[in-house]
Amino acid sequence: MKNALIGAVAVAALAAAPAVAQTKTDVAWGGSNPGGVMYYMVGVAGSELGKDLPDINITQVTTGGSTENAKRLIKGELDMGIVYGSHVYMSQKPEGPFENGDKGTMLRGVAMAYEGPTYFVTLKGNDELNTIEDLKGKTVALGPPGSGTVFNCSNILTALGVIGDITPRLMTFADAGRALANGQVDAFCQSSAPAAAVSELAETQGVKILSYPEEALTTINETFPFYHTGTMADTVYTGVPATDMPYTTVYWVAHERLPADVVEKIVAAAYANQDSLASGHKAWAQMKPDVANFEALGRPMHPGAEAYYKKEGLWPD
């Protein structure tokens, strides 16, 4: 009888164990390919925030970048993602890369992640390439398929009438850096900064960022109003001076199904550890609510993020 009782207790304990494990919430968070800003941002967040969130399991999902993140959020394949504001806006139509797909009605704002520039990189010793116009007749890597980088680079080259005069290549950021170093492409395009692929080249071989004439920036902003002109500081890449270029705002977005209490905990941990996140990747230093600008894209903030911002007095009146 005693042995039977002990066995019954052991069985009961084992049966109860899975129920305890199931209380942990899994969160799939889309970033980008290795070498891209979003990849490292999500990687840093997963490791740093996990220290304070024992009941939440954040999994970094490698993707093509913003376009794929938005599409997979819409399909319900991701819980969170880093997404360009322009993609949030276009997914409501839907138009552009979202044409003929489902509308992004389930997208909810969490925070502004950062403002990202789009720029073209060549090796420092390349005297043939100085401005965007010089890309005509050249082989240019535009980023990995499904990425926001391809979207941005194509928009910019289209606005300036250059898109039909280049030989485009689609490849990961790391592969693009190697291809430029090996002479397989003349330049590659990058969205957001600092990007690991560019930093590595800047340190080892030296890079040149192609300049945008003022009239080119005006044309880009008028053609695609979700861009604005900003200045990439001379501290971003070794040997690269401050350069004016088109910027777009990038957001941390969640699926509406993610519970409000889970999002509130993650957001609270992110702001409490913002310095640590920024030490892992500088872009995290830019994180802020930016509620009005996100909601102007056609979607509301996530209730969990809203609850946190209201508690902290960060919700706009």
Protein backbone atom coordinates (compact mmCIF):
# COMPACT_ATOMS: atom_id res chain seq x y z
CA MET A 1 0.00 0.00 0.00
CA LYS A 2 2.79 2.38 0.95
CA ASN A 3 4.64 1.75 -2.34
CA ALA A 4 1.43 2.16 -4.27
CA LEU A 5 0.80 5.49 -2.55
CA ILE A 6 4.31 6.73 -3.32
CA GLY A 7 3.88 5.66 -6.95
CA ALA A 8 0.57 7.49 -7.21
CA VAL A 9 2.11 10.67 -5.80
CA ALA A 10 5.01 10.44 -8.27
CA VAL A 11 2.65 9.96 -11.20
CA ALA A 12 0.56 12.90 -10.04
CA ALA A 13 3.68 15.09 -9.79
CA LEU A 14 4.79 14.14 -13.27
CA ALA A 15 1.33 14.80 -14.64
CA ALA A 16 1.33 18.25 -13.04
CA ALA A 17 4.76 19.23 -14.40
CA PRO A 18 3.67 20.01 -17.99
CA ALA A 19 0.87 22.26 -16.68
CA VAL A 20 3.46 24.42 -14.91
CA ALA A 21 5.68 24.58 -18.00
CA GLN A 22 2.73 25.68 -20.16
CA THR A 23 2.37 28.92 -18.17
CA LYS A 24 5.44 30.30 -19.98
CA THR A 25 4.46 32.46 -22.95
CA ASP A 26 6.37 31.97 -26.21
CA VAL A 27 6.93 35.10 -28.27
CA ALA A 28 8.31 34.83 -31.82
CA TRP A 29 10.02 38.12 -32.75
CA GLY A 30 11.06 38.78 -36.36
CA GLY A 31 14.26 40.70 -37.11
CA SER A 32 16.28 40.30 -40.31
CA ASN A 33 19.25 38.43 -41.81
CA PRO A 34 22.65 38.37 -40.03
CA GLY A 35 24.48 41.60 -40.84
CA GLY A 36 21.30 43.67 -40.68
CA VAL A 37 20.35 46.09 -37.92
CA MET A 38 17.06 44.35 -37.09
CA TYR A 39 18.79 41.00 -36.64
CA TYR A 40 21.09 42.34 -33.93
CA MET A 41 18.40 44.44 -32.27
CA VAL A 42 16.12 41.45 -31.77
CA GLY A 43 19.03 39.24 -30.73
CA VAL A 44 20.09 41.70 -28.04
CA ALA A 45 16.50 42.13 -26.85
CA GLY A 46 15.94 38.40 -26.58
CA SER A 47 18.97 37.87 -24.38
CA GLU A 48 18.67 41.03 -22.26
CA LEU A 49 14.91 41.02 -21.64
CA GLY A 50 14.88 37.31 -20.92
CA LYS A 51 16.82 37.99 -17.72
CA ASP A 52 13.87 39.92 -16.26
CA LEU A 53 11.05 37.88 -17.81
CA PRO A 54 11.26 34.28 -16.57
CA ASP A 55 7.67 33.60 -17.64
CA ILE A 56 8.20 34.81 -21.24
CA ASN A 57 10.31 33.00 -23.82
CA ILE A 58 11.40 35.39 -26.60
CA THR A 59 12.61 33.62 -29.72
CA GLN A 60 14.54 35.53 -32.37
CA VAL A 61 13.26 34.68 -35.85
CA THR A 62 15.64 35.30 -38.76
CA THR A 63 13.76 36.85 -41.69
CA GLY A 64 14.39 38.91 -44.79
CA GLY A 65 13.58 42.07 -42.83
CA SER A 66 10.70 44.55 -42.63
CA THR A 67 8.63 43.38 -45.60
CA GLU A 68 8.72 39.76 -44.50
CA ASN A 69 8.13 40.71 -40.86
CA ALA A 70 4.97 42.62 -41.79
CA LYS A 71 3.70 39.83 -44.03
CA ARG A 72 4.34 37.15 -41.42
CA LEU A 73 2.67 39.23 -38.70
CA ILE A 74 -0.36 39.59 -40.97
CA LYS A 75 -0.41 35.81 -41.51
CA GLY A 76 -0.06 35.20 -37.78
CA GLU A 77 3.36 33.56 -38.11
CA LEU A 78 5.06 36.10 -35.82
CA ASP A 79 4.04 37.67 -32.52
CA MET A 80 6.28 40.75 -32.85
CA GLY A 81 8.50 42.26 -35.50
CA ILE A 82 10.55 45.30 -36.46
CA VAL A 83 8.67 46.97 -39.32
CA TYR A 84 9.05 50.14 -41.37
CA GLY A 85 6.30 52.69 -40.80
CA SER A 86 5.79 52.77 -44.56
CA HIS A 87 4.98 49.06 -44.49
CA VAL A 88 2.44 49.49 -41.70
CA TYR A 89 0.80 52.22 -43.81
CA MET A 90 0.88 50.30 -47.11
CA SER A 91 -0.49 47.14 -45.53
CA GLN A 92 -3.72 49.00 -44.67
CA LYS A 93 -4.54 49.64 -48.34
CA PRO A 94 -3.09 47.11 -49.20
CA GLU A 95 -0.59 48.29 -51.80
CA GLY A 96 3.05 47.98 -52.81
CA PRO A 97 4.51 44.69 -51.53
CA PHE A 98 1.17 43.93 -49.83
CA GLU A 99 -1.02 44.31 -52.90
CA ASN A 100 -3.56 41.47 -53.31
CA GLY A 101 -2.85 40.28 -49.77
CA ASP A 102 -4.79 40.58 -46.51
CA LYS A 103 -4.90 43.99 -44.85
CA GLY A 104 -2.67 44.52 -41.83
CA THR A 105 -5.58 45.22 -39.49
CA MET A 106 -4.02 43.08 -36.74
CA LEU A 107 -0.85 45.19 -36.46
CA ARG A 108 -0.43 47.08 -33.19
CA GLY A 109 2.24 49.58 -32.19
CA VAL A 110 4.64 48.99 -29.31
CA ALA A 111 7.32 51.69 -29.75
CA MET A 112 9.38 53.57 -32.27
CA ALA A 113 12.47 51.42 -32.69
CA TYR A 114 14.65 53.88 -34.58
CA GLU A 115 14.93 56.13 -37.59
CA GLY A 116 16.90 54.48 -40.35
CA PRO A 117 18.74 55.94 -43.35
CA THR A 118 19.06 54.25 -46.73
CA TYR A 119 22.43 54.60 -48.45
CA PHE A 120 24.73 53.04 -51.01
CA VAL A 121 28.19 51.79 -50.11
CA THR A 122 31.28 51.24 -52.23
CA LEU A 123 34.95 50.80 -51.42
CA LYS A 124 36.91 53.88 -50.46
CA GLY A 125 39.25 53.68 -53.46
CA ASN A 126 36.47 53.55 -56.06
CA ASP A 127 36.75 56.91 -57.84
CA GLU A 128 34.04 56.04 -60.37
CA LEU A 129 31.26 56.17 -57.79
CA ASN A 130 30.54 59.36 -55.88
CA THR A 131 26.81 60.09 -56.19
CA ILE A 132 23.70 57.95 -56.72
CA GLU A 133 23.64 58.98 -60.38
CA ASP A 134 27.00 57.22 -60.86
CA LEU A 135 25.35 53.84 -60.20
CA LYS A 136 24.06 53.73 -63.78
CA GLY A 137 25.64 50.79 -65.58
CA LYS A 138 26.87 49.24 -62.34
CA THR A 139 26.09 46.01 -60.48
CA VAL A 140 24.38 46.81 -57.20
CA ALA A 141 23.33 44.50 -54.35
CA LEU A 142 19.95 45.68 -53.09
CA GLY A 143 19.58 43.46 -50.02
CA PRO A 144 18.01 40.07 -49.27
CA PRO A 145 14.66 39.05 -50.81
CA GLY A 146 11.70 40.12 -48.68
CA SER A 147 13.66 42.82 -46.90
CA GLY A 148 12.76 46.43 -46.24
CA THR A 149 16.17 47.28 -47.66
CA VAL A 150 15.17 46.05 -51.12
CA PHE A 151 11.95 48.04 -50.76
CA ASN A 152 13.75 51.25 -49.78
CA CYS A 153 16.58 50.94 -52.28
CA SER A 154 14.19 50.22 -55.14
CA ASN A 155 12.01 53.20 -54.17
CA ILE A 156 14.98 55.55 -54.12
CA LEU A 157 16.45 54.35 -57.41
CA THR A 158 12.99 54.53 -58.99
CA ALA A 159 12.42 58.09 -57.80
CA LEU A 160 15.78 59.15 -59.24
CA GLY A 161 15.30 57.31 -62.54
CA VAL A 162 18.26 54.99 -61.96
CA ILE A 163 16.51 51.66 -61.31
CA GLY A 164 16.41 50.61 -64.97
CA ASP A 165 20.10 51.32 -65.52
CA ILE A 166 21.65 49.04 -62.89
CA THR A 167 22.23 45.30 -62.72
CA PRO A 168 20.52 44.37 -59.44
CA ARG A 169 21.56 41.54 -57.17
CA LEU A 170 19.59 40.19 -54.21
CA MET A 171 21.73 38.81 -51.38
CA THR A 172 22.12 38.92 -47.63
CA PHE A 173 23.90 41.86 -46.03
CA ALA A 174 26.90 39.76 -45.06
CA ASP A 175 27.15 38.31 -48.59
CA ALA A 176 26.86 41.79 -50.09
CA GLY A 177 29.77 43.01 -47.98
CA ARG A 178 31.90 40.10 -49.12
CA ALA A 179 30.82 40.57 -52.74
CA LEU A 180 31.88 44.22 -52.65
CA ALA A 181 35.23 43.34 -51.07
CA ASN A 182 35.80 40.71 -53.77
CA GLY A 183 34.81 42.95 -56.68
CA GLN A 184 31.67 40.95 -57.52
CA VAL A 185 29.45 44.02 -57.13
CA ASP A 186 30.25 47.71 -57.51
CA ALA A 187 28.13 48.84 -54.56
CA PHE A 188 25.51 47.60 -52.14
CA CYS A 189 22.54 49.26 -50.54
CA GLN A 190 21.88 49.27 -46.80
CA SER A 191 18.99 50.51 -44.71
CA SER A 192 19.61 51.59 -41.12
CA ALA A 193 22.87 52.17 -39.32
CA PRO A 194 25.22 51.08 -37.97
CA ALA A 195 25.11 47.85 -39.97
CA ALA A 196 27.63 45.12 -39.20
CA ALA A 197 28.46 44.44 -42.86
CA VAL A 198 29.36 48.10 -43.44
CA SER A 199 31.21 48.51 -40.14
CA GLU A 200 33.42 45.51 -40.91
CA LEU A 201 34.36 46.84 -44.34
CA ALA A 202 34.95 50.34 -42.96
CA GLU A 203 37.42 48.93 -40.44
CA THR A 204 39.23 46.59 -42.83
CA GLN A 205 39.24 48.21 -46.29
CA GLY A 206 37.59 51.60 -45.94
CA VAL A 207 34.22 52.54 -47.43
CA LYS A 208 32.63 55.45 -49.24
CA ILE A 209 28.96 56.38 -48.84
CA LEU A 210 27.57 57.79 -52.08
CA SER A 211 26.20 61.30 -51.71
CA TYR A 212 22.66 62.51 -52.44
CA PRO A 213 22.51 65.96 -54.08
CA GLU A 214 19.93 68.23 -52.43
CA GLU A 215 17.63 68.06 -55.45
CA ALA A 216 17.75 64.25 -55.31
CA LEU A 217 16.62 64.23 -51.68
CA THR A 218 13.76 66.60 -52.54
CA THR A 219 12.68 64.33 -55.39
CA ILE A 220 12.72 61.23 -53.15
CA ASN A 221 10.68 62.93 -50.41
CA GLU A 222 8.12 64.24 -52.89
CA THR A 223 7.79 60.89 -54.68
CA PHE A 224 7.50 58.84 -51.48
CA PRO A 225 6.25 61.03 -48.60
CA PHE A 226 7.15 58.45 -45.94
CA TYR A 227 10.82 59.46 -46.34
CA HIS A 228 12.37 62.54 -44.79
CA THR A 229 15.88 63.97 -45.00
CA GLY A 230 18.23 63.36 -42.10
CA THR A 231 21.96 63.36 -41.45
CA MET A 232 24.00 60.27 -40.66
CA ALA A 233 26.68 61.42 -38.21
CA ASP A 234 30.40 61.11 -38.87
CA THR A 235 30.67 58.84 -35.82
CA VAL A 236 28.66 55.98 -37.37
CA TYR A 237 31.34 54.50 -39.66
CA THR A 238 35.10 54.92 -39.51
CA GLY A 239 36.32 57.39 -42.12
CA VAL A 240 32.85 58.37 -43.37
CA PRO A 241 31.87 62.05 -43.01
CA ALA A 242 28.41 63.27 -41.98
CA THR A 243 26.08 62.66 -44.92
CA ASP A 244 22.53 63.78 -45.71
CA MET A 245 20.28 60.95 -46.87
CA PRO A 246 16.67 59.74 -46.88
CA TYR A 247 15.39 58.39 -43.56
CA THR A 248 12.34 56.34 -42.66
CA THR A 249 10.87 55.60 -39.24
CA VAL A 250 10.97 52.01 -38.03
CA TYR A 251 8.61 50.58 -35.43
CA TRP A 252 8.43 47.71 -32.98
CA VAL A 253 5.09 46.11 -33.85
CA ALA A 254 3.05 43.34 -32.23
CA HIS A 255 0.18 41.13 -33.37
CA GLU A 256 -3.15 42.01 -31.74
CA ARG A 257 -3.47 38.45 -30.31
CA LEU A 258 -0.49 38.88 -27.98
CA PRO A 259 -1.95 39.33 -24.46
CA ALA A 260 -1.85 42.86 -23.07
CA ASP A 261 -0.16 41.79 -19.83
CA VAL A 262 2.63 40.05 -21.79
CA VAL A 263 3.28 43.11 -23.96
CA GLU A 264 3.20 45.41 -20.93
CA LYS A 265 5.83 43.28 -19.16
CA ILE A 266 8.08 43.21 -22.23
CA VAL A 267 7.77 46.97 -22.79
CA ALA A 268 8.45 47.72 -19.12
CA ALA A 269 11.56 45.52 -19.22
CA ALA A 270 12.74 47.18 -22.45
CA TYR A 271 12.57 50.70 -21.03
CA ALA A 272 14.07 49.59 -17.69
CA ASN A 273 16.98 48.07 -19.60
CA GLN A 274 17.25 50.56 -22.47
CA ASP A 275 20.88 51.38 -21.64
CA SER A 276 21.82 47.69 -21.77
CA LEU A 277 19.93 47.25 -25.04
CA ALA A 278 21.71 50.27 -26.51
CA SER A 279 25.05 48.83 -25.42
CA GLY A 280 24.19 45.77 -27.49
CA HIS A 281 23.08 47.85 -30.47
CA LYS A 282 23.04 51.65 -30.69
CA ALA A 283 19.66 51.77 -32.42
CA TRP A 284 17.91 50.84 -29.16
CA ALA A 285 18.92 54.22 -27.74
CA GLN A 286 16.30 55.80 -30.03
CA MET A 287 13.35 53.80 -28.65
CA LYS A 288 10.41 56.00 -27.61
CA PRO A 289 6.57 55.84 -27.63
CA ASP A 290 5.93 58.00 -30.76
CA VAL A 291 2.23 57.24 -30.35
CA ALA A 292 0.72 59.96 -32.56
CA ASN A 293 3.00 59.24 -35.51
CA PHE A 294 2.34 55.50 -35.36
CA GLU A 295 -1.41 55.89 -35.13
CA ALA A 296 -1.28 58.27 -38.12
CA LEU A 297 -0.23 55.20 -40.14
CA GLY A 298 -3.71 53.76 -39.60
CA ARG A 299 -3.26 51.34 -36.69
CA PRO A 300 -3.64 51.74 -32.90
CA MET A 301 -1.08 51.04 -30.23
CA HIS A 302 -1.18 47.64 -28.52
CA PRO A 303 -3.25 47.79 -25.28
CA GLY A 304 -0.26 46.46 -23.33
CA ALA A 305 1.99 49.25 -24.59
CA GLU A 306 -0.77 51.79 -23.97
CA ALA A 307 -1.15 50.59 -20.37
CA TYR A 308 2.59 51.01 -19.73
CA TYR A 309 2.79 54.47 -21.29
CA LYS A 310 -0.21 55.69 -19.32
CA LYS A 311 1.24 54.41 -16.05
CA GLU A 312 4.50 56.18 -16.77
CA GLY A 313 2.87 59.42 -17.94
CA LEU A 314 4.14 58.92 -21.49
CA TRP A 315 0.76 58.72 -23.23
CA PRO A 316 -0.07 61.87 -25.24
CA ASP A 317 -3.00 64.01 -24.06
